[in-house]
Amino acid sequence: MAGTIALTYDDGPHPVWTPLILAALQQRGAHATFFVQARRAVEHRDLIYAMRKGGHEVAFHCLDHVRHSRRGSDGVGADLEIGLELLGQVGVRPCAWRAPWGDETQVTRELAAEWGMRLWGWNFDTHDWRGDSTARMLDSLKAQGGLRDGDVILMHDALGPGALRDGCAATVGLTEGLLQRAAAAGLTAATVSACEGVLA
């Protein structure tokens, strides 16, 4: 799939911000990947259904947002197993996984192989959790050369540990700005699994 980027969102779903992001994606006919926290997914299962109906990918982030390097193998394994069980309750069997903070260990990689999951990082971190404005985040992207085929962009549609902001409005604006720039560059926003052949 040539000319493709992957917009990805961690830590949701959130009852306020996720619907606004979904609306922005729908307006452009774009698809994205949501790396969800399992408990939030069960709590807001209507948003999980909306993601799937919109052609988006629901992927696994975590049960508890703890760095894998700070957990033993049993802890990482239990987080994955219980998290996947909860996602199963809302009809999701994800094939994509992003560890909290992107902190992968050998145990993470072994579990991913065991469960048939692909681990995903990113190559552009928007740092939206810091509370930067939409304009500043777009300027940061421009400074690294703008959008490129194969980019995997990290954003957050909810507040996770360490967040320095009280909402995700700037991420909604960033989503709209990224989609505008992608269209101008002839790039399509697709899920990570749909892009896998290009982004691998």
N, C-alpha and C. Protein backbone atom coordinates (compact mmCIF):
# COMPACT_ATOMS: atom_id res chain seq x y z
N MET A 1 0.86 -1.19 0.00
CA MET A 1 0.00 0.00 0.00
C MET A 1 0.89 1.24 0.00
N ALA A 2 1.15 1.80 -1.16
CA ALA A 2 2.07 2.94 -1.27
C ALA A 2 1.41 4.22 -0.78
N GLY A 3 2.24 5.16 -0.36
CA GLY A 3 1.75 6.47 0.06
C GLY A 3 0.85 6.40 1.26
N THR A 4 1.33 5.72 2.32
CA THR A 4 0.49 5.46 3.49
C THR A 4 1.16 5.91 4.78
N ILE A 5 0.35 6.48 5.67
CA ILE A 5 0.80 6.79 7.03
C ILE A 5 -0.16 6.14 8.01
N ALA A 6 0.30 5.96 9.24
CA ALA A 6 -0.54 5.38 10.29
C ALA A 6 -0.68 6.36 11.44
N LEU A 7 -1.90 6.84 11.66
CA LEU A 7 -2.21 7.66 12.83
C LEU A 7 -2.59 6.71 13.95
N THR A 8 -1.91 6.81 15.09
CA THR A 8 -2.17 5.90 16.20
C THR A 8 -2.46 6.69 17.47
N TYR A 9 -3.33 6.14 18.29
CA TYR A 9 -3.78 6.80 19.52
C TYR A 9 -3.69 5.82 20.68
N ASP A 10 -3.03 6.23 21.75
CA ASP A 10 -2.88 5.40 22.94
C ASP A 10 -3.77 5.89 24.08
N ASP A 11 -4.04 4.99 25.01
CA ASP A 11 -4.60 5.27 26.34
C ASP A 11 -6.11 5.40 26.41
N GLY A 12 -6.83 5.47 25.29
CA GLY A 12 -8.27 5.60 25.34
C GLY A 12 -8.94 4.25 25.52
N PRO A 13 -10.26 4.24 25.25
CA PRO A 13 -11.05 5.37 24.76
C PRO A 13 -11.49 6.32 25.87
N HIS A 14 -11.82 7.55 25.45
CA HIS A 14 -12.29 8.59 26.37
C HIS A 14 -13.63 9.09 25.86
N PRO A 15 -14.62 9.28 26.75
CA PRO A 15 -15.97 9.64 26.31
C PRO A 15 -16.09 11.00 25.64
N VAL A 16 -15.14 11.90 25.87
CA VAL A 16 -15.18 13.23 25.24
C VAL A 16 -14.29 13.28 24.01
N TRP A 17 -13.03 12.88 24.17
CA TRP A 17 -12.04 13.12 23.11
C TRP A 17 -12.08 12.09 22.00
N THR A 18 -12.32 10.84 22.32
CA THR A 18 -12.35 9.82 21.27
C THR A 18 -13.43 10.09 20.22
N PRO A 19 -14.66 10.45 20.61
CA PRO A 19 -15.66 10.74 19.58
C PRO A 19 -15.27 11.89 18.66
N LEU A 20 -14.58 12.89 19.20
CA LEU A 20 -14.16 14.02 18.36
C LEU A 20 -13.10 13.59 17.36
N ILE A 21 -12.20 12.73 17.80
CA ILE A 21 -11.18 12.21 16.89
C ILE A 21 -11.83 11.32 15.83
N LEU A 22 -12.76 10.49 16.23
CA LEU A 22 -13.47 9.64 15.27
C LEU A 22 -14.20 10.49 14.23
N ALA A 23 -14.78 11.59 14.67
CA ALA A 23 -15.48 12.47 13.73
C ALA A 23 -14.52 13.10 12.75
N ALA A 24 -13.34 13.51 13.23
CA ALA A 24 -12.34 14.11 12.35
C ALA A 24 -11.85 13.10 11.31
N LEU A 25 -11.67 11.86 11.74
CA LEU A 25 -11.24 10.81 10.81
C LEU A 25 -12.33 10.51 9.78
N GLN A 26 -13.57 10.45 10.24
CA GLN A 26 -14.68 10.15 9.34
C GLN A 26 -14.84 11.23 8.27
N GLN A 27 -14.63 12.47 8.67
CA GLN A 27 -14.78 13.58 7.73
C GLN A 27 -13.84 13.45 6.55
N ARG A 28 -12.67 12.86 6.78
CA ARG A 28 -11.66 12.70 5.73
C ARG A 28 -11.64 11.29 5.14
N GLY A 29 -12.52 10.43 5.63
CA GLY A 29 -12.51 9.05 5.14
C GLY A 29 -11.23 8.32 5.50
N ALA A 30 -10.65 8.68 6.64
CA ALA A 30 -9.36 8.12 7.06
C ALA A 30 -9.58 7.03 8.11
N HIS A 31 -8.60 6.15 8.23
CA HIS A 31 -8.63 5.10 9.23
C HIS A 31 -7.40 5.21 10.13
N ALA A 32 -7.56 4.76 11.37
CA ALA A 32 -6.49 4.88 12.36
C ALA A 32 -6.49 3.65 13.25
N THR A 33 -5.48 3.57 14.09
CA THR A 33 -5.38 2.48 15.06
C THR A 33 -5.44 3.06 16.47
N PHE A 34 -6.29 2.47 17.29
CA PHE A 34 -6.45 2.88 18.69
C PHE A 34 -5.90 1.79 19.58
N PHE A 35 -4.76 2.08 20.24
CA PHE A 35 -4.17 1.16 21.20
C PHE A 35 -4.82 1.44 22.55
N VAL A 36 -5.79 0.60 22.91
CA VAL A 36 -6.67 0.92 24.03
C VAL A 36 -6.20 0.29 25.33
N GLN A 37 -6.59 0.94 26.43
CA GLN A 37 -6.47 0.34 27.75
C GLN A 37 -7.72 -0.52 27.96
N ALA A 38 -7.53 -1.76 28.34
CA ALA A 38 -8.62 -2.74 28.34
C ALA A 38 -9.78 -2.35 29.25
N ARG A 39 -9.48 -1.84 30.44
CA ARG A 39 -10.58 -1.47 31.35
C ARG A 39 -11.41 -0.33 30.76
N ARG A 40 -10.75 0.64 30.15
CA ARG A 40 -11.48 1.74 29.54
C ARG A 40 -12.31 1.24 28.36
N ALA A 41 -11.80 0.25 27.65
CA ALA A 41 -12.53 -0.30 26.52
C ALA A 41 -13.85 -0.92 26.97
N VAL A 42 -13.81 -1.65 28.07
CA VAL A 42 -15.02 -2.27 28.60
C VAL A 42 -15.98 -1.21 29.12
N GLU A 43 -15.43 -0.20 29.78
CA GLU A 43 -16.27 0.86 30.33
C GLU A 43 -16.96 1.67 29.24
N HIS A 44 -16.27 1.84 28.11
CA HIS A 44 -16.80 2.64 27.02
C HIS A 44 -16.93 1.78 25.76
N ARG A 45 -17.61 0.67 25.90
CA ARG A 45 -17.70 -0.29 24.79
C ARG A 45 -18.41 0.30 23.59
N ASP A 46 -19.27 1.30 23.80
CA ASP A 46 -19.92 1.95 22.66
C ASP A 46 -18.90 2.61 21.74
N LEU A 47 -17.83 3.11 22.31
CA LEU A 47 -16.78 3.73 21.50
C LEU A 47 -15.96 2.67 20.76
N ILE A 48 -15.79 1.51 21.37
CA ILE A 48 -15.11 0.42 20.67
C ILE A 48 -15.94 0.00 19.46
N TYR A 49 -17.24 -0.10 19.65
CA TYR A 49 -18.11 -0.45 18.52
C TYR A 49 -18.04 0.62 17.43
N ALA A 50 -18.00 1.88 17.86
CA ALA A 50 -17.92 2.98 16.88
C ALA A 50 -16.61 2.92 16.11
N MET A 51 -15.51 2.59 16.79
CA MET A 51 -14.22 2.46 16.11
C MET A 51 -14.30 1.38 15.03
N ARG A 52 -14.82 0.24 15.40
CA ARG A 52 -14.88 -0.88 14.46
C ARG A 52 -15.83 -0.57 13.30
N LYS A 53 -16.95 0.05 13.60
CA LYS A 53 -17.90 0.41 12.55
C LYS A 53 -17.28 1.38 11.56
N GLY A 54 -16.40 2.24 12.05
CA GLY A 54 -15.75 3.22 11.20
C GLY A 54 -14.55 2.68 10.43
N GLY A 55 -14.26 1.39 10.59
CA GLY A 55 -13.15 0.79 9.86
C GLY A 55 -11.80 0.97 10.53
N HIS A 56 -11.81 1.37 11.80
CA HIS A 56 -10.55 1.58 12.53
C HIS A 56 -10.11 0.29 13.21
N GLU A 57 -8.85 0.24 13.55
CA GLU A 57 -8.32 -0.94 14.23
C GLU A 57 -8.29 -0.71 15.73
N VAL A 58 -8.83 -1.66 16.47
CA VAL A 58 -8.73 -1.63 17.93
C VAL A 58 -7.60 -2.57 18.32
N ALA A 59 -6.56 -2.01 18.88
CA ALA A 59 -5.35 -2.76 19.23
C ALA A 59 -5.15 -2.71 20.75
N PHE A 60 -4.25 -3.52 21.23
CA PHE A 60 -4.03 -3.62 22.68
C PHE A 60 -2.87 -2.72 23.12
N HIS A 61 -3.13 -1.98 24.21
CA HIS A 61 -2.07 -1.19 24.83
C HIS A 61 -1.69 -1.82 26.16
N CYS A 62 -2.67 -1.94 27.05
CA CYS A 62 -2.36 -2.50 28.36
C CYS A 62 -3.64 -2.69 29.18
N LEU A 63 -3.46 -3.40 30.27
CA LEU A 63 -4.46 -3.43 31.33
C LEU A 63 -4.09 -2.34 32.33
N ASP A 64 -2.85 -2.39 32.82
CA ASP A 64 -2.31 -1.36 33.71
C ASP A 64 -1.12 -0.71 33.04
N HIS A 65 -1.09 0.61 33.06
CA HIS A 65 -0.07 1.38 32.32
C HIS A 65 1.24 1.40 33.11
N VAL A 66 1.95 0.26 33.05
CA VAL A 66 3.21 0.10 33.78
C VAL A 66 4.28 -0.34 32.79
N ARG A 67 5.47 0.24 32.91
CA ARG A 67 6.57 -0.14 32.02
C ARG A 67 6.89 -1.62 32.17
N HIS A 68 7.08 -2.30 31.05
CA HIS A 68 7.40 -3.72 31.11
C HIS A 68 8.75 -3.97 31.76
N SER A 69 9.67 -3.03 31.63
CA SER A 69 10.99 -3.19 32.25
C SER A 69 10.92 -3.13 33.77
N ARG A 70 9.79 -2.71 34.31
CA ARG A 70 9.61 -2.65 35.76
C ARG A 70 8.74 -3.79 36.28
N ARG A 71 8.42 -4.73 35.39
CA ARG A 71 7.58 -5.85 35.79
C ARG A 71 8.32 -7.15 35.49
N GLY A 72 7.99 -8.18 36.25
CA GLY A 72 8.51 -9.50 35.96
C GLY A 72 7.73 -10.13 34.82
N SER A 73 8.19 -11.28 34.38
CA SER A 73 7.53 -11.95 33.27
C SER A 73 6.08 -12.30 33.60
N ASP A 74 5.84 -12.71 34.85
CA ASP A 74 4.47 -13.04 35.24
C ASP A 74 3.56 -11.82 35.18
N GLY A 75 4.09 -10.68 35.58
CA GLY A 75 3.29 -9.45 35.56
C GLY A 75 2.93 -9.02 34.16
N VAL A 76 3.89 -9.07 33.25
CA VAL A 76 3.62 -8.70 31.86
C VAL A 76 2.64 -9.69 31.25
N GLY A 77 2.83 -10.98 31.53
CA GLY A 77 1.95 -12.01 30.98
C GLY A 77 0.53 -11.87 31.48
N ALA A 78 0.37 -11.59 32.77
CA ALA A 78 -0.98 -11.44 33.33
C ALA A 78 -1.66 -10.20 32.77
N ASP A 79 -0.90 -9.12 32.59
CA ASP A 79 -1.46 -7.90 32.03
C ASP A 79 -2.01 -8.16 30.63
N LEU A 80 -1.25 -8.90 29.84
CA LEU A 80 -1.69 -9.21 28.48
C LEU A 80 -2.88 -10.16 28.49
N GLU A 81 -2.80 -11.23 29.26
CA GLU A 81 -3.86 -12.23 29.23
C GLU A 81 -5.19 -11.67 29.73
N ILE A 82 -5.15 -10.95 30.85
CA ILE A 82 -6.40 -10.39 31.39
C ILE A 82 -6.92 -9.28 30.47
N GLY A 83 -5.99 -8.48 29.95
CA GLY A 83 -6.40 -7.42 29.04
C GLY A 83 -7.08 -7.96 27.80
N LEU A 84 -6.53 -9.02 27.22
CA LEU A 84 -7.14 -9.62 26.03
C LEU A 84 -8.49 -10.26 26.37
N GLU A 85 -8.59 -10.82 27.56
CA GLU A 85 -9.87 -11.40 27.98
C GLU A 85 -10.95 -10.30 28.06
N LEU A 86 -10.58 -9.14 28.61
CA LEU A 86 -11.54 -8.04 28.69
C LEU A 86 -11.92 -7.54 27.30
N LEU A 87 -10.94 -7.42 26.41
CA LEU A 87 -11.25 -6.97 25.05
C LEU A 87 -12.15 -7.97 24.34
N GLY A 88 -11.97 -9.25 24.67
CA GLY A 88 -12.84 -10.25 24.10
C GLY A 88 -14.30 -10.04 24.48
N GLN A 89 -14.53 -9.44 25.64
CA GLN A 89 -15.89 -9.17 26.09
C GLN A 89 -16.58 -8.11 25.22
N VAL A 90 -15.79 -7.31 24.52
CA VAL A 90 -16.37 -6.31 23.62
C VAL A 90 -16.14 -6.69 22.16
N GLY A 91 -15.86 -7.97 21.95
CA GLY A 91 -15.78 -8.49 20.59
C GLY A 91 -14.50 -8.21 19.84
N VAL A 92 -13.41 -7.92 20.58
CA VAL A 92 -12.15 -7.56 19.94
C VAL A 92 -11.09 -8.63 20.22
N ARG A 93 -10.43 -9.08 19.16
CA ARG A 93 -9.25 -9.94 19.29
C ARG A 93 -8.12 -9.25 18.53
N PRO A 94 -7.37 -8.39 19.22
CA PRO A 94 -6.37 -7.57 18.52
C PRO A 94 -5.18 -8.38 18.03
N CYS A 95 -4.60 -7.91 16.94
CA CYS A 95 -3.37 -8.53 16.43
C CYS A 95 -2.20 -7.55 16.53
N ALA A 96 -2.46 -6.33 17.01
CA ALA A 96 -1.42 -5.31 17.18
C ALA A 96 -1.33 -4.93 18.65
N TRP A 97 -0.10 -4.68 19.11
CA TRP A 97 0.15 -4.39 20.53
C TRP A 97 1.23 -3.32 20.62
N ARG A 98 0.99 -2.34 21.47
CA ARG A 98 2.02 -1.35 21.80
C ARG A 98 2.18 -1.33 23.31
N ALA A 99 3.36 -1.61 23.78
CA ALA A 99 3.62 -1.61 25.22
C ALA A 99 3.58 -0.19 25.77
N PRO A 100 3.20 -0.03 27.04
CA PRO A 100 3.21 1.31 27.65
C PRO A 100 4.58 1.97 27.49
N TRP A 101 4.56 3.21 27.04
CA TRP A 101 5.78 3.99 26.76
C TRP A 101 6.64 3.34 25.67
N GLY A 102 6.12 2.37 24.97
CA GLY A 102 6.92 1.66 23.97
C GLY A 102 8.04 0.85 24.57
N ASP A 103 7.92 0.54 25.86
CA ASP A 103 8.98 -0.12 26.62
C ASP A 103 8.86 -1.64 26.46
N GLU A 104 9.54 -2.17 25.45
CA GLU A 104 9.50 -3.61 25.18
C GLU A 104 10.70 -4.31 25.80
N THR A 105 10.43 -5.49 26.33
CA THR A 105 11.49 -6.34 26.86
C THR A 105 11.50 -7.66 26.08
N GLN A 106 12.44 -8.51 26.39
CA GLN A 106 12.45 -9.83 25.76
C GLN A 106 11.17 -10.59 26.06
N VAL A 107 10.66 -10.41 27.29
CA VAL A 107 9.40 -11.06 27.65
C VAL A 107 8.26 -10.54 26.77
N THR A 108 8.24 -9.23 26.53
CA THR A 108 7.22 -8.65 25.66
C THR A 108 7.25 -9.32 24.29
N ARG A 109 8.45 -9.45 23.74
CA ARG A 109 8.59 -10.00 22.40
C ARG A 109 8.21 -11.49 22.37
N GLU A 110 8.56 -12.22 23.42
CA GLU A 110 8.20 -13.64 23.47
C GLU A 110 6.69 -13.82 23.58
N LEU A 111 6.04 -12.99 24.39
CA LEU A 111 4.59 -13.07 24.53
C LEU A 111 3.89 -12.68 23.23
N ALA A 112 4.41 -11.66 22.56
CA ALA A 112 3.81 -11.26 21.29
C ALA A 112 3.85 -12.41 20.30
N ALA A 113 4.98 -13.10 20.24
CA ALA A 113 5.09 -14.24 19.33
C ALA A 113 4.15 -15.36 19.74
N GLU A 114 4.06 -15.60 21.03
CA GLU A 114 3.20 -16.68 21.54
C GLU A 114 1.72 -16.42 21.22
N TRP A 115 1.31 -15.15 21.32
CA TRP A 115 -0.09 -14.81 21.11
C TRP A 115 -0.38 -14.37 19.66
N GLY A 116 0.63 -14.41 18.81
CA GLY A 116 0.44 -14.04 17.42
C GLY A 116 0.14 -12.57 17.22
N MET A 117 0.85 -11.71 17.97
CA MET A 117 0.62 -10.28 17.90
C MET A 117 1.84 -9.56 17.36
N ARG A 118 1.62 -8.47 16.65
CA ARG A 118 2.71 -7.65 16.13
C ARG A 118 2.90 -6.45 17.06
N LEU A 119 4.13 -6.24 17.51
CA LEU A 119 4.46 -5.08 18.35
C LEU A 119 4.70 -3.86 17.47
N TRP A 120 4.19 -2.72 17.93
CA TRP A 120 4.32 -1.48 17.17
C TRP A 120 4.89 -0.37 18.01
N GLY A 121 5.87 0.31 17.45
CA GLY A 121 6.38 1.54 18.03
C GLY A 121 5.88 2.71 17.21
N TRP A 122 6.77 3.68 16.96
CA TRP A 122 6.42 4.85 16.17
C TRP A 122 7.71 5.51 15.70
N ASN A 123 7.62 6.38 14.71
CA ASN A 123 8.81 7.13 14.30
C ASN A 123 8.62 8.63 14.44
N PHE A 124 7.37 9.05 14.78
CA PHE A 124 7.17 10.45 15.13
C PHE A 124 6.32 10.53 16.38
N ASP A 125 6.91 11.04 17.45
CA ASP A 125 6.22 11.25 18.72
C ASP A 125 5.77 12.69 18.78
N THR A 126 4.47 12.91 18.81
CA THR A 126 3.93 14.28 18.84
C THR A 126 4.13 14.95 20.20
N HIS A 127 4.40 14.16 21.24
CA HIS A 127 4.51 14.67 22.61
C HIS A 127 3.25 15.43 23.02
N ASP A 128 2.11 14.98 22.50
CA ASP A 128 0.87 15.70 22.81
C ASP A 128 0.54 15.68 24.29
N TRP A 129 1.05 14.68 25.01
CA TRP A 129 0.80 14.58 26.45
C TRP A 129 1.35 15.78 27.23
N ARG A 130 2.29 16.50 26.62
CA ARG A 130 2.90 17.65 27.33
C ARG A 130 1.98 18.86 27.37
N GLY A 131 0.96 18.87 26.51
CA GLY A 131 0.08 20.03 26.46
C GLY A 131 0.51 21.05 25.42
N ASP A 132 1.38 20.64 24.47
CA ASP A 132 1.78 21.55 23.39
C ASP A 132 0.56 21.90 22.54
N SER A 133 0.60 23.08 21.93
CA SER A 133 -0.49 23.49 21.05
C SER A 133 -0.44 22.69 19.76
N THR A 134 -1.58 22.67 19.05
CA THR A 134 -1.62 22.01 17.75
C THR A 134 -0.57 22.59 16.82
N ALA A 135 -0.46 23.93 16.80
CA ALA A 135 0.50 24.58 15.91
C ALA A 135 1.93 24.16 16.22
N ARG A 136 2.26 24.07 17.49
CA ARG A 136 3.62 23.69 17.86
C ARG A 136 3.92 22.25 17.44
N MET A 137 2.95 21.36 17.59
CA MET A 137 3.17 19.97 17.20
C MET A 137 3.31 19.84 15.69
N LEU A 138 2.53 20.61 14.94
CA LEU A 138 2.66 20.58 13.48
C LEU A 138 3.99 21.18 13.04
N ASP A 139 4.45 22.21 13.75
CA ASP A 139 5.76 22.79 13.45
C ASP A 139 6.87 21.77 13.70
N SER A 140 6.72 20.99 14.77
CA SER A 140 7.71 19.96 15.09
C SER A 140 7.78 18.92 13.98
N LEU A 141 6.62 18.55 13.45
CA LEU A 141 6.59 17.61 12.34
C LEU A 141 7.26 18.22 11.10
N LYS A 142 6.98 19.47 10.84
CA LYS A 142 7.59 20.15 9.69
C LYS A 142 9.10 20.19 9.83
N ALA A 143 9.59 20.40 11.05
CA ALA A 143 11.03 20.49 11.29
C ALA A 143 11.74 19.18 10.99
N GLN A 144 11.04 18.06 11.09
CA GLN A 144 11.68 16.77 10.79
C GLN A 144 11.50 16.38 9.33
N GLY A 145 10.94 17.28 8.53
CA GLY A 145 10.82 17.02 7.10
C GLY A 145 9.41 16.79 6.61
N GLY A 146 8.42 16.93 7.53
CA GLY A 146 7.03 16.74 7.13
C GLY A 146 6.63 15.28 7.08
N LEU A 147 5.41 15.04 6.67
CA LEU A 147 4.90 13.67 6.58
C LEU A 147 5.61 12.91 5.47
N ARG A 148 5.90 11.63 5.76
CA ARG A 148 6.55 10.77 4.78
C ARG A 148 5.85 9.44 4.72
N ASP A 149 5.89 8.83 3.57
CA ASP A 149 5.32 7.50 3.40
C ASP A 149 5.92 6.56 4.44
N GLY A 150 5.07 5.85 5.15
CA GLY A 150 5.53 4.91 6.17
C GLY A 150 5.59 5.45 7.57
N ASP A 151 5.25 6.73 7.77
CA ASP A 151 5.27 7.30 9.12
C ASP A 151 4.24 6.62 10.02
N VAL A 152 4.66 6.36 11.25
CA VAL A 152 3.75 5.90 12.30
C VAL A 152 3.77 6.99 13.36
N ILE A 153 2.62 7.62 13.57
CA ILE A 153 2.55 8.82 14.40
C ILE A 153 1.87 8.50 15.72
N LEU A 154 2.53 8.85 16.81
CA LEU A 154 2.03 8.58 18.16
C LEU A 154 1.25 9.76 18.70
N MET A 155 -0.01 9.49 19.08
CA MET A 155 -0.86 10.48 19.75
C MET A 155 -1.61 9.78 20.87
N HIS A 156 -2.39 10.56 21.62
CA HIS A 156 -3.15 10.00 22.74
C HIS A 156 -4.56 10.60 22.73
N ASP A 157 -5.57 9.72 22.85
CA ASP A 157 -6.94 10.21 22.88
C ASP A 157 -7.52 10.19 24.29
N ALA A 158 -6.65 10.05 25.28
CA ALA A 158 -7.04 10.12 26.69
C ALA A 158 -5.81 10.52 27.50
N LEU A 159 -6.01 10.76 28.76
CA LEU A 159 -4.91 11.17 29.63
C LEU A 159 -4.33 9.94 30.33
N GLY A 160 -3.06 9.72 30.11
CA GLY A 160 -2.37 8.61 30.74
C GLY A 160 -1.46 9.11 31.85
N PRO A 161 -0.75 8.20 32.52
CA PRO A 161 0.19 8.59 33.57
C PRO A 161 1.23 9.57 33.04
N GLY A 162 1.49 10.61 33.79
CA GLY A 162 2.51 11.59 33.42
C GLY A 162 2.00 12.71 32.52
N ALA A 163 0.74 12.67 32.12
CA ALA A 163 0.21 13.71 31.24
C ALA A 163 0.26 15.08 31.93
N LEU A 164 0.68 16.08 31.17
CA LEU A 164 0.81 17.44 31.71
C LEU A 164 -0.30 18.35 31.19
N ARG A 165 -1.37 17.78 30.69
CA ARG A 165 -2.48 18.54 30.16
C ARG A 165 -3.77 18.05 30.79
N ASP A 166 -4.83 18.84 30.66
CA ASP A 166 -6.09 18.43 31.27
C ASP A 166 -7.13 18.02 30.24
N GLY A 167 -6.73 17.90 28.98
CA GLY A 167 -7.64 17.48 27.93
C GLY A 167 -6.87 17.23 26.65
N CYS A 168 -7.59 16.75 25.63
CA CYS A 168 -6.95 16.35 24.38
C CYS A 168 -7.41 17.17 23.18
N ALA A 169 -7.86 18.40 23.44
CA ALA A 169 -8.35 19.24 22.34
C ALA A 169 -7.27 19.48 21.29
N ALA A 170 -6.03 19.68 21.73
CA ALA A 170 -4.96 19.93 20.77
C ALA A 170 -4.72 18.70 19.88
N THR A 171 -4.96 17.50 20.41
CA THR A 171 -4.80 16.29 19.61
C THR A 171 -5.90 16.17 18.56
N VAL A 172 -7.09 16.62 18.91
CA VAL A 172 -8.16 16.66 17.91
C VAL A 172 -7.76 17.59 16.77
N GLY A 173 -7.26 18.77 17.13
CA GLY A 173 -6.79 19.71 16.11
C GLY A 173 -5.62 19.16 15.32
N LEU A 174 -4.74 18.44 16.00
CA LEU A 174 -3.58 17.84 15.33
C LEU A 174 -4.04 16.78 14.32
N THR A 175 -5.02 15.99 14.70
CA THR A 175 -5.56 14.99 13.78
C THR A 175 -6.06 15.65 12.51
N GLU A 176 -6.82 16.73 12.66
CA GLU A 176 -7.35 17.45 11.49
C GLU A 176 -6.21 18.01 10.65
N GLY A 177 -5.19 18.58 11.32
CA GLY A 177 -4.05 19.14 10.59
C GLY A 177 -3.24 18.08 9.86
N LEU A 178 -3.04 16.94 10.50
CA LEU A 178 -2.29 15.85 9.87
C LEU A 178 -3.02 15.31 8.65
N LEU A 179 -4.34 15.19 8.76
CA LEU A 179 -5.11 14.67 7.63
C LEU A 179 -5.10 15.66 6.47
N GLN A 180 -5.13 16.94 6.76
CA GLN A 180 -5.04 17.95 5.70
C GLN A 180 -3.69 17.84 4.99
N ARG A 181 -2.63 17.71 5.76
CA ARG A 181 -1.28 17.63 5.17
C ARG A 181 -1.08 16.31 4.42
N ALA A 182 -1.67 15.24 4.95
CA ALA A 182 -1.57 13.96 4.26
C ALA A 182 -2.25 14.03 2.90
N ALA A 183 -3.44 14.63 2.85
CA ALA A 183 -4.16 14.74 1.59
C ALA A 183 -3.36 15.57 0.58
N ALA A 184 -2.75 16.65 1.07
CA ALA A 184 -1.96 17.51 0.18
C ALA A 184 -0.73 16.78 -0.35
N ALA A 185 -0.21 15.84 0.43
CA ALA A 185 0.99 15.09 0.02
C ALA A 185 0.64 13.80 -0.71
N GLY A 186 -0.64 13.54 -0.92
CA GLY A 186 -1.04 12.32 -1.60
C GLY A 186 -0.88 11.07 -0.76
N LEU A 187 -0.95 11.22 0.57
CA LEU A 187 -0.80 10.10 1.49
C LEU A 187 -2.14 9.70 2.07
N THR A 188 -2.32 8.41 2.28
CA THR A 188 -3.55 7.88 2.86
C THR A 188 -3.28 7.45 4.29
N ALA A 189 -4.23 7.76 5.20
CA ALA A 189 -4.11 7.32 6.60
C ALA A 189 -4.84 5.99 6.74
N ALA A 190 -4.11 4.95 7.16
CA ALA A 190 -4.66 3.61 7.28
C ALA A 190 -4.23 3.00 8.62
N THR A 191 -4.84 1.88 8.97
CA THR A 191 -4.48 1.19 10.23
C THR A 191 -3.09 0.59 10.10
N VAL A 192 -2.46 0.33 11.24
CA VAL A 192 -1.12 -0.24 11.19
C VAL A 192 -1.13 -1.63 10.55
N SER A 193 -2.16 -2.41 10.81
CA SER A 193 -2.19 -3.75 10.23
C SER A 193 -2.40 -3.70 8.72
N ALA A 194 -3.19 -2.73 8.24
CA ALA A 194 -3.36 -2.57 6.81
C ALA A 194 -2.07 -2.10 6.15
N CYS A 195 -1.26 -1.37 6.91
CA CYS A 195 0.00 -0.82 6.38
C CYS A 195 1.17 -1.78 6.58
N GLU A 196 0.95 -2.90 7.21
CA GLU A 196 2.06 -3.71 7.71
C GLU A 196 3.09 -4.04 6.63
N GLY A 197 2.64 -4.32 5.43
CA GLY A 197 3.58 -4.66 4.38
C GLY A 197 4.52 -3.51 4.05
N VAL A 198 4.03 -2.26 4.19
CA VAL A 198 4.84 -1.09 3.90
C VAL A 198 5.69 -0.70 5.10
N LEU A 199 5.09 -0.79 6.30
CA LEU A 199 5.74 -0.25 7.48
C LEU A 199 6.62 -1.27 8.21
N ALA A 200 6.59 -2.51 7.78
CA ALA A 200 7.39 -3.54 8.46
C ALA A 200 8.89 -3.24 8.35
